[in-house]
């Protein structure tokens, strides 16, 4: 398993910003693509929701501090019931954003929320993550983490698709 320093260096710059060519040892890659429709209006609506934390909040999470826009370099705490997910936004662009997890998050890694539009006009939401359990406690609970991650990755896409239709 790479050292914490190596992991930090590996994630610097936003590993989830583009398709991942090389995975660090011990990390799990997840990418889910959800068709949202077509056209510039669909794309613009989806991006606006993504960049306002809408994918997370529409899926039942709370984001603190409350804000109307994701800001690079800022730290947030995302909660769902008793689960706390401290994160730092690493990058934001015209299509989405990505964050790295901070101490106290169940997972160690990075996650991105991106809206893509192809040359034919089809709009797709991409949720991409690279992660592993953050501590021994979460490694023991990793089967539950995997189930929760799979559930919410699907839910993010469903909620965004519902919002733009």
N, C-alpha and C. Protein backbone atom coordinates (compact mmCIF):
# COMPACT_ATOMS: atom_id res chain seq x y z
N UNK A 1 0.85 -1.17 0.00
CA UNK A 1 0.00 0.00 0.00
C UNK A 1 0.89 1.23 0.00
N UNK A 2 0.59 2.27 -0.79
CA UNK A 2 1.45 3.44 -0.83
C UNK A 2 1.39 4.21 0.48
N UNK A 3 2.47 4.93 0.77
CA UNK A 3 2.48 5.76 1.98
C UNK A 3 1.46 6.89 1.83
N UNK A 4 1.09 7.50 2.96
CA UNK A 4 0.14 8.62 2.92
C UNK A 4 0.70 9.76 2.06
N UNK A 5 2.01 9.98 2.15
CA UNK A 5 2.63 11.03 1.34
C UNK A 5 2.48 10.71 -0.15
N UNK A 6 2.72 9.45 -0.52
CA UNK A 6 2.59 9.05 -1.92
C UNK A 6 1.15 9.19 -2.39
N UNK A 7 0.19 8.85 -1.53
CA UNK A 7 -1.21 8.99 -1.89
C UNK A 7 -1.54 10.45 -2.11
N UNK A 8 -1.09 11.31 -1.20
CA UNK A 8 -1.37 12.74 -1.35
C UNK A 8 -0.79 13.26 -2.66
N UNK A 9 0.42 12.86 -2.99
CA UNK A 9 1.03 13.31 -4.24
C UNK A 9 0.28 12.76 -5.45
N UNK A 10 -0.18 11.51 -5.35
CA UNK A 10 -0.90 10.89 -6.45
C UNK A 10 -2.18 11.65 -6.77
N UNK A 11 -2.90 12.11 -5.74
CA UNK A 11 -4.17 12.78 -5.95
C UNK A 11 -4.01 14.26 -6.28
N UNK A 12 -2.84 14.82 -6.09
CA UNK A 12 -2.66 16.24 -6.39
C UNK A 12 -2.99 16.51 -7.86
N UNK A 13 -3.83 17.48 -8.10
CA UNK A 13 -4.17 17.86 -9.46
C UNK A 13 -5.47 17.27 -9.96
N UNK A 14 -6.06 16.37 -9.23
CA UNK A 14 -7.37 15.87 -9.62
C UNK A 14 -7.34 14.62 -10.48
N UNK A 15 -7.04 13.50 -9.90
CA UNK A 15 -6.97 12.24 -10.66
C UNK A 15 -8.30 11.90 -11.33
N UNK A 16 -9.43 12.32 -10.75
CA UNK A 16 -10.74 11.95 -11.31
C UNK A 16 -11.24 12.92 -12.37
N UNK A 17 -10.46 13.91 -12.68
CA UNK A 17 -10.89 14.91 -13.66
C UNK A 17 -11.07 14.32 -15.06
N UNK A 18 -10.28 13.32 -15.38
CA UNK A 18 -10.33 12.67 -16.69
C UNK A 18 -10.29 11.16 -16.46
N UNK A 19 -10.57 10.38 -17.49
CA UNK A 19 -10.46 8.92 -17.32
C UNK A 19 -9.11 8.56 -16.72
N UNK A 20 -9.10 7.58 -15.87
CA UNK A 20 -7.92 7.25 -15.08
C UNK A 20 -7.07 6.23 -15.80
N UNK A 21 -5.80 6.57 -15.99
CA UNK A 21 -4.88 5.70 -16.70
C UNK A 21 -4.15 4.75 -15.76
N UNK A 22 -3.89 5.20 -14.54
CA UNK A 22 -3.10 4.41 -13.59
C UNK A 22 -3.72 4.52 -12.21
N UNK A 23 -4.03 3.37 -11.63
CA UNK A 23 -4.63 3.33 -10.30
C UNK A 23 -3.55 3.09 -9.25
N UNK A 24 -3.65 3.82 -8.12
CA UNK A 24 -2.73 3.50 -7.03
C UNK A 24 -3.12 2.16 -6.40
N UNK A 25 -2.13 1.43 -5.90
CA UNK A 25 -2.39 0.13 -5.27
C UNK A 25 -3.37 0.29 -4.11
N UNK A 26 -4.28 -0.65 -4.01
CA UNK A 26 -5.21 -0.67 -2.88
C UNK A 26 -6.43 0.21 -3.04
N UNK A 27 -6.54 0.92 -4.15
CA UNK A 27 -7.68 1.80 -4.37
C UNK A 27 -8.66 1.17 -5.35
N UNK A 28 -9.91 1.53 -5.22
CA UNK A 28 -10.98 1.02 -6.07
C UNK A 28 -11.47 2.15 -6.97
N UNK A 29 -11.63 1.82 -8.23
CA UNK A 29 -12.13 2.79 -9.21
C UNK A 29 -13.60 2.52 -9.48
N UNK A 30 -14.41 3.58 -9.47
CA UNK A 30 -15.82 3.48 -9.82
C UNK A 30 -16.13 4.60 -10.81
N UNK A 31 -16.79 4.25 -11.91
CA UNK A 31 -17.28 5.27 -12.83
C UNK A 31 -18.68 4.86 -13.28
N UNK A 32 -19.61 5.76 -13.13
CA UNK A 32 -20.98 5.52 -13.59
C UNK A 32 -21.37 6.68 -14.49
N UNK A 33 -21.94 6.33 -15.63
CA UNK A 33 -22.39 7.32 -16.62
C UNK A 33 -23.90 7.21 -16.72
N UNK A 34 -24.57 8.35 -16.65
CA UNK A 34 -26.03 8.40 -16.71
C UNK A 34 -26.45 9.34 -17.83
N UNK A 35 -27.22 8.84 -18.79
CA UNK A 35 -27.74 9.68 -19.88
C UNK A 35 -28.76 10.64 -19.30
N UNK A 36 -28.63 11.93 -19.66
CA UNK A 36 -29.53 12.96 -19.15
C UNK A 36 -30.49 13.51 -20.20
N UNK A 37 -30.19 13.27 -21.46
CA UNK A 37 -30.99 13.84 -22.53
C UNK A 37 -30.07 14.43 -23.57
N UNK A 38 -30.53 15.50 -24.22
CA UNK A 38 -29.72 16.12 -25.26
C UNK A 38 -29.94 17.61 -25.29
N UNK A 39 -28.97 18.31 -25.82
CA UNK A 39 -29.09 19.73 -26.06
C UNK A 39 -28.40 20.60 -25.03
N UNK A 40 -28.17 21.85 -25.46
CA UNK A 40 -27.47 22.80 -24.61
C UNK A 40 -28.24 23.15 -23.34
N UNK A 41 -29.56 23.20 -23.42
CA UNK A 41 -30.35 23.52 -22.22
C UNK A 41 -30.20 22.44 -21.18
N UNK A 42 -30.27 21.18 -21.60
CA UNK A 42 -30.08 20.06 -20.67
C UNK A 42 -28.69 20.15 -20.05
N UNK A 43 -27.69 20.38 -20.88
CA UNK A 43 -26.31 20.49 -20.37
C UNK A 43 -26.19 21.63 -19.37
N UNK A 44 -26.69 22.80 -19.73
CA UNK A 44 -26.58 23.97 -18.84
C UNK A 44 -27.31 23.76 -17.53
N UNK A 45 -28.50 23.18 -17.59
CA UNK A 45 -29.26 22.90 -16.37
C UNK A 45 -28.52 21.90 -15.48
N UNK A 46 -27.98 20.86 -16.09
CA UNK A 46 -27.26 19.84 -15.33
C UNK A 46 -26.01 20.43 -14.68
N UNK A 47 -25.25 21.21 -15.42
CA UNK A 47 -24.04 21.82 -14.87
C UNK A 47 -24.40 22.74 -13.71
N UNK A 48 -25.45 23.53 -13.85
CA UNK A 48 -25.86 24.44 -12.78
C UNK A 48 -26.19 23.67 -11.50
N UNK A 49 -26.87 22.55 -11.65
CA UNK A 49 -27.20 21.72 -10.48
C UNK A 49 -25.94 21.13 -9.87
N UNK A 50 -25.07 20.57 -10.69
CA UNK A 50 -23.83 19.98 -10.19
C UNK A 50 -23.00 21.01 -9.45
N UNK A 51 -22.82 22.19 -10.02
CA UNK A 51 -21.95 23.21 -9.42
C UNK A 51 -22.56 23.92 -8.22
N UNK A 52 -23.78 23.58 -7.87
CA UNK A 52 -24.44 24.12 -6.67
C UNK A 52 -24.64 23.01 -5.63
N UNK A 53 -23.87 21.94 -5.71
CA UNK A 53 -23.96 20.78 -4.82
C UNK A 53 -25.27 20.03 -4.97
N UNK A 54 -26.02 20.29 -6.03
CA UNK A 54 -27.33 19.68 -6.20
C UNK A 54 -27.35 18.17 -6.30
N UNK A 55 -26.32 17.58 -6.85
CA UNK A 55 -26.30 16.12 -6.95
C UNK A 55 -26.28 15.52 -5.54
N UNK A 56 -25.49 16.10 -4.66
CA UNK A 56 -25.42 15.60 -3.29
C UNK A 56 -26.72 15.94 -2.52
N UNK A 57 -27.16 17.19 -2.56
CA UNK A 57 -28.32 17.57 -1.75
C UNK A 57 -29.61 16.91 -2.24
N UNK A 58 -29.77 16.74 -3.52
CA UNK A 58 -30.96 16.05 -4.05
C UNK A 58 -30.94 14.56 -3.71
N UNK A 59 -29.79 14.05 -3.33
CA UNK A 59 -29.67 12.64 -2.96
C UNK A 59 -29.75 12.43 -1.45
N UNK A 60 -30.08 13.49 -0.72
CA UNK A 60 -30.31 13.37 0.72
C UNK A 60 -29.21 13.87 1.62
N UNK A 61 -28.11 14.33 1.08
CA UNK A 61 -27.01 14.83 1.89
C UNK A 61 -27.20 16.30 2.24
N UNK A 62 -26.56 16.73 3.32
CA UNK A 62 -26.49 18.15 3.68
C UNK A 62 -25.05 18.59 3.48
N UNK A 63 -24.87 19.80 2.99
CA UNK A 63 -23.53 20.33 2.75
C UNK A 63 -23.35 21.58 3.61
N UNK A 64 -22.26 21.59 4.39
CA UNK A 64 -21.94 22.73 5.24
C UNK A 64 -20.53 23.19 4.95
N UNK A 65 -20.24 24.46 4.87
CA UNK A 65 -21.21 25.52 4.99
C UNK A 65 -22.16 25.54 3.80
N UNK A 66 -23.35 26.05 4.04
CA UNK A 66 -24.33 26.17 2.96
C UNK A 66 -23.79 27.20 1.97
N UNK A 67 -23.87 26.86 0.70
CA UNK A 67 -23.38 27.75 -0.34
C UNK A 67 -24.16 27.49 -1.62
N UNK A 68 -24.17 28.46 -2.49
CA UNK A 68 -24.87 28.29 -3.77
C UNK A 68 -23.92 27.86 -4.88
N UNK A 69 -22.63 27.76 -4.56
CA UNK A 69 -21.66 27.38 -5.59
C UNK A 69 -20.49 26.64 -4.97
N UNK A 70 -20.04 25.60 -5.65
CA UNK A 70 -18.84 24.87 -5.27
C UNK A 70 -17.65 25.79 -5.52
N UNK A 71 -16.74 25.87 -4.56
CA UNK A 71 -15.58 26.75 -4.70
C UNK A 71 -14.28 25.96 -4.53
N UNK A 72 -13.36 26.09 -5.51
CA UNK A 72 -12.10 25.36 -5.41
C UNK A 72 -11.30 25.79 -4.19
N UNK A 73 -10.67 24.81 -3.54
CA UNK A 73 -9.86 25.09 -2.37
C UNK A 73 -10.64 25.14 -1.07
N UNK A 74 -11.94 25.21 -1.14
CA UNK A 74 -12.78 25.30 0.06
C UNK A 74 -13.00 23.91 0.67
N UNK A 75 -13.15 23.89 1.98
CA UNK A 75 -13.46 22.66 2.69
C UNK A 75 -14.92 22.67 3.10
N UNK A 76 -15.55 21.52 2.97
CA UNK A 76 -16.97 21.35 3.29
C UNK A 76 -17.13 20.09 4.11
N UNK A 77 -18.23 20.02 4.86
CA UNK A 77 -18.60 18.79 5.54
C UNK A 77 -19.95 18.36 4.98
N UNK A 78 -19.96 17.18 4.40
CA UNK A 78 -21.17 16.60 3.83
C UNK A 78 -21.67 15.57 4.85
N UNK A 79 -22.95 15.63 5.17
CA UNK A 79 -23.49 14.70 6.16
C UNK A 79 -24.72 13.98 5.63
N UNK A 80 -24.88 12.78 6.14
CA UNK A 80 -26.08 11.98 5.90
C UNK A 80 -26.33 11.24 7.20
N UNK A 81 -27.32 11.69 7.97
CA UNK A 81 -27.53 11.12 9.29
C UNK A 81 -26.28 11.33 10.12
N UNK A 82 -25.78 10.27 10.77
CA UNK A 82 -24.60 10.42 11.62
C UNK A 82 -23.27 10.38 10.86
N UNK A 83 -23.31 10.10 9.57
CA UNK A 83 -22.07 9.98 8.78
C UNK A 83 -21.61 11.37 8.35
N UNK A 84 -20.34 11.66 8.66
CA UNK A 84 -19.71 12.92 8.26
C UNK A 84 -18.68 12.64 7.18
N UNK A 85 -18.67 13.50 6.16
CA UNK A 85 -17.72 13.36 5.06
C UNK A 85 -17.01 14.69 4.83
N UNK A 86 -15.92 14.95 5.55
CA UNK A 86 -15.15 16.18 5.29
C UNK A 86 -14.43 16.07 3.94
N UNK A 87 -14.52 17.13 3.13
CA UNK A 87 -13.89 17.13 1.81
C UNK A 87 -13.29 18.50 1.50
N UNK A 88 -12.37 18.53 0.55
CA UNK A 88 -11.82 19.78 0.01
C UNK A 88 -11.99 19.74 -1.50
N UNK A 89 -12.60 20.76 -2.06
CA UNK A 89 -12.79 20.83 -3.51
C UNK A 89 -11.43 21.12 -4.14
N UNK A 90 -11.01 20.23 -5.02
CA UNK A 90 -9.70 20.34 -5.66
C UNK A 90 -9.76 21.13 -6.96
N UNK A 91 -10.85 20.96 -7.69
CA UNK A 91 -10.94 21.65 -8.99
C UNK A 91 -12.41 21.90 -9.33
N UNK A 92 -12.62 22.96 -10.06
CA UNK A 92 -13.94 23.31 -10.60
C UNK A 92 -13.71 23.82 -12.01
N UNK A 93 -14.54 23.38 -12.95
CA UNK A 93 -14.47 23.94 -14.30
C UNK A 93 -15.89 24.07 -14.85
N UNK A 94 -16.01 24.37 -16.12
CA UNK A 94 -17.33 24.62 -16.72
C UNK A 94 -18.19 23.37 -16.81
N UNK A 95 -17.63 22.18 -16.54
CA UNK A 95 -18.38 20.94 -16.66
C UNK A 95 -18.65 20.25 -15.33
N UNK A 96 -17.99 20.67 -14.25
CA UNK A 96 -18.19 20.01 -12.98
C UNK A 96 -17.08 20.29 -11.99
N UNK A 97 -16.90 19.37 -11.04
CA UNK A 97 -15.88 19.57 -10.01
C UNK A 97 -15.45 18.23 -9.42
N UNK A 98 -14.37 18.29 -8.65
CA UNK A 98 -13.89 17.11 -7.95
C UNK A 98 -13.39 17.49 -6.58
N UNK A 99 -13.54 16.58 -5.64
CA UNK A 99 -13.01 16.82 -4.30
C UNK A 99 -12.22 15.63 -3.80
N UNK A 100 -11.31 15.93 -2.85
CA UNK A 100 -10.60 14.89 -2.14
C UNK A 100 -11.20 14.78 -0.74
N UNK A 101 -11.12 13.59 -0.18
CA UNK A 101 -11.64 13.39 1.16
C UNK A 101 -10.60 13.85 2.18
N UNK A 102 -11.07 14.27 3.33
CA UNK A 102 -10.20 14.72 4.42
C UNK A 102 -10.34 13.77 5.61
N UNK A 103 -9.49 13.94 6.59
CA UNK A 103 -9.52 13.12 7.80
C UNK A 103 -10.93 13.14 8.40
N UNK A 104 -11.44 11.96 8.71
CA UNK A 104 -12.78 11.82 9.25
C UNK A 104 -13.78 11.30 8.25
N UNK A 105 -13.43 11.31 6.97
CA UNK A 105 -14.30 10.75 5.94
C UNK A 105 -14.15 9.23 5.97
N UNK A 106 -15.23 8.48 5.73
CA UNK A 106 -15.11 7.01 5.72
C UNK A 106 -14.17 6.48 4.64
N UNK A 107 -14.01 7.23 3.56
CA UNK A 107 -13.14 6.80 2.46
C UNK A 107 -11.97 7.76 2.31
N UNK A 108 -10.89 7.26 1.78
CA UNK A 108 -9.75 8.07 1.42
C UNK A 108 -9.69 8.06 -0.10
N UNK A 109 -9.71 9.24 -0.71
CA UNK A 109 -9.65 9.28 -2.16
C UNK A 109 -10.19 10.56 -2.75
N UNK A 110 -10.73 10.42 -3.94
CA UNK A 110 -11.22 11.57 -4.69
C UNK A 110 -12.47 11.17 -5.46
N UNK A 111 -13.36 12.15 -5.65
CA UNK A 111 -14.59 11.90 -6.41
C UNK A 111 -14.87 13.11 -7.29
N UNK A 112 -15.39 12.85 -8.49
CA UNK A 112 -15.72 13.91 -9.44
C UNK A 112 -17.15 13.78 -9.90
N UNK A 113 -17.74 14.93 -10.20
CA UNK A 113 -19.11 15.04 -10.72
C UNK A 113 -19.02 15.89 -11.98
N UNK A 114 -19.23 15.28 -13.14
CA UNK A 114 -18.94 15.94 -14.42
C UNK A 114 -20.12 15.77 -15.37
N UNK A 115 -20.43 16.82 -16.11
CA UNK A 115 -21.44 16.77 -17.16
C UNK A 115 -20.72 16.84 -18.50
N UNK A 116 -20.99 15.88 -19.37
CA UNK A 116 -20.36 15.84 -20.69
C UNK A 116 -21.43 15.98 -21.77
N UNK A 117 -21.05 16.58 -22.88
CA UNK A 117 -21.93 16.65 -24.05
C UNK A 117 -21.12 16.23 -25.26
N UNK A 118 -21.63 15.24 -26.00
CA UNK A 118 -20.89 14.76 -27.16
C UNK A 118 -21.23 15.60 -28.39
N UNK A 119 -20.59 15.30 -29.50
CA UNK A 119 -20.75 16.10 -30.72
C UNK A 119 -22.16 16.02 -31.29
N UNK A 120 -22.91 14.97 -30.94
CA UNK A 120 -24.29 14.84 -31.41
C UNK A 120 -25.28 15.56 -30.48
N UNK A 121 -24.77 16.09 -29.37
CA UNK A 121 -25.62 16.82 -28.43
C UNK A 121 -26.07 16.04 -27.22
N UNK A 122 -25.78 14.72 -27.16
CA UNK A 122 -26.19 13.91 -26.02
C UNK A 122 -25.45 14.35 -24.76
N UNK A 123 -26.20 14.46 -23.67
CA UNK A 123 -25.64 14.93 -22.40
C UNK A 123 -25.59 13.75 -21.43
N UNK A 124 -24.43 13.60 -20.77
CA UNK A 124 -24.20 12.50 -19.85
C UNK A 124 -23.61 13.03 -18.55
N UNK A 125 -24.10 12.50 -17.44
CA UNK A 125 -23.51 12.78 -16.14
C UNK A 125 -22.52 11.68 -15.82
N UNK A 126 -21.32 12.07 -15.41
CA UNK A 126 -20.27 11.11 -15.06
C UNK A 126 -19.90 11.31 -13.60
N UNK A 127 -20.02 10.24 -12.82
CA UNK A 127 -19.55 10.23 -11.44
C UNK A 127 -18.38 9.26 -11.41
N UNK A 128 -17.21 9.78 -11.04
CA UNK A 128 -15.99 8.98 -11.09
C UNK A 128 -15.29 9.10 -9.74
N UNK A 129 -14.85 7.97 -9.18
CA UNK A 129 -14.15 8.03 -7.91
C UNK A 129 -13.02 7.00 -7.84
N UNK A 130 -12.07 7.33 -7.01
CA UNK A 130 -10.95 6.46 -6.67
C UNK A 130 -10.89 6.50 -5.15
N UNK A 131 -11.06 5.35 -4.50
CA UNK A 131 -11.11 5.39 -3.04
C UNK A 131 -10.75 4.05 -2.42
N UNK A 132 -10.54 4.12 -1.13
CA UNK A 132 -10.35 2.95 -0.28
C UNK A 132 -10.84 3.33 1.11
N UNK A 133 -11.15 2.35 1.95
CA UNK A 133 -11.55 2.68 3.32
C UNK A 133 -10.46 3.51 4.00
N UNK A 134 -10.87 4.51 4.77
CA UNK A 134 -9.91 5.45 5.33
C UNK A 134 -9.21 4.96 6.60
N UNK A 135 -9.77 3.97 7.26
CA UNK A 135 -9.19 3.50 8.52
C UNK A 135 -9.53 2.02 8.71
N UNK A 136 -8.94 1.44 9.73
CA UNK A 136 -9.22 0.04 10.04
C UNK A 136 -10.70 -0.15 10.31
N UNK A 137 -11.30 0.75 11.05
CA UNK A 137 -12.74 0.66 11.33
C UNK A 137 -13.54 0.57 10.04
N UNK A 138 -13.22 1.42 9.07
CA UNK A 138 -13.96 1.43 7.81
C UNK A 138 -13.57 0.25 6.92
N UNK A 139 -12.34 -0.27 7.07
CA UNK A 139 -11.97 -1.49 6.33
C UNK A 139 -12.82 -2.66 6.81
N UNK A 140 -13.03 -2.74 8.12
CA UNK A 140 -13.87 -3.80 8.67
C UNK A 140 -15.30 -3.67 8.14
N UNK A 141 -15.76 -2.43 8.00
CA UNK A 141 -17.12 -2.17 7.51
C UNK A 141 -17.18 -2.02 5.99
N UNK A 142 -16.10 -2.38 5.29
CA UNK A 142 -16.05 -2.14 3.85
C UNK A 142 -17.18 -2.77 3.04
N UNK A 143 -17.71 -3.94 3.41
CA UNK A 143 -18.86 -4.44 2.63
C UNK A 143 -20.05 -3.46 2.67
N UNK A 144 -20.27 -2.84 3.82
CA UNK A 144 -21.34 -1.84 3.93
C UNK A 144 -21.00 -0.58 3.14
N UNK A 145 -19.73 -0.18 3.20
CA UNK A 145 -19.30 0.99 2.42
C UNK A 145 -19.53 0.76 0.93
N UNK A 146 -19.19 -0.42 0.44
CA UNK A 146 -19.37 -0.73 -0.98
C UNK A 146 -20.84 -0.69 -1.38
N UNK A 147 -21.69 -1.23 -0.54
CA UNK A 147 -23.14 -1.17 -0.82
C UNK A 147 -23.64 0.27 -0.83
N UNK A 148 -23.24 1.05 0.15
CA UNK A 148 -23.67 2.45 0.22
C UNK A 148 -23.14 3.23 -0.99
N UNK A 149 -21.89 3.00 -1.35
CA UNK A 149 -21.31 3.70 -2.49
C UNK A 149 -22.07 3.35 -3.77
N UNK A 150 -22.34 2.09 -3.99
CA UNK A 150 -23.08 1.67 -5.19
C UNK A 150 -24.46 2.30 -5.22
N UNK A 151 -25.13 2.32 -4.09
CA UNK A 151 -26.47 2.91 -4.02
C UNK A 151 -26.43 4.40 -4.37
N UNK A 152 -25.52 5.15 -3.75
CA UNK A 152 -25.51 6.59 -3.98
C UNK A 152 -24.98 6.96 -5.36
N UNK A 153 -24.06 6.20 -5.91
CA UNK A 153 -23.60 6.49 -7.26
C UNK A 153 -24.77 6.39 -8.24
N UNK A 154 -25.60 5.39 -8.09
CA UNK A 154 -26.80 5.28 -8.93
C UNK A 154 -27.78 6.41 -8.64
N UNK A 155 -27.95 6.71 -7.37
CA UNK A 155 -28.91 7.76 -6.99
C UNK A 155 -28.50 9.13 -7.53
N UNK A 156 -27.22 9.44 -7.50
CA UNK A 156 -26.77 10.74 -8.05
C UNK A 156 -27.26 10.91 -9.47
N UNK A 157 -27.04 9.91 -10.29
CA UNK A 157 -27.46 9.98 -11.69
C UNK A 157 -28.97 10.08 -11.84
N UNK A 158 -29.69 9.27 -11.08
CA UNK A 158 -31.18 9.31 -11.15
C UNK A 158 -31.72 10.66 -10.74
N UNK A 159 -31.19 11.23 -9.66
CA UNK A 159 -31.70 12.51 -9.18
C UNK A 159 -31.37 13.64 -10.16
N UNK A 160 -30.20 13.61 -10.75
CA UNK A 160 -29.85 14.64 -11.72
C UNK A 160 -30.70 14.49 -12.97
N UNK A 161 -30.89 13.27 -13.44
CA UNK A 161 -31.74 13.05 -14.62
C UNK A 161 -33.16 13.53 -14.37
N UNK A 162 -33.69 13.25 -13.19
CA UNK A 162 -35.03 13.72 -12.83
C UNK A 162 -35.10 15.24 -12.81
N UNK A 163 -34.06 15.87 -12.32
CA UNK A 163 -34.05 17.33 -12.20
C UNK A 163 -34.00 18.06 -13.54
N UNK A 164 -33.36 17.46 -14.54
CA UNK A 164 -33.22 18.16 -15.83
C UNK A 164 -34.31 17.79 -16.83
N UNK A 165 -35.19 16.86 -16.49
CA UNK A 165 -36.24 16.46 -17.42
C UNK A 165 -37.48 17.28 -17.22
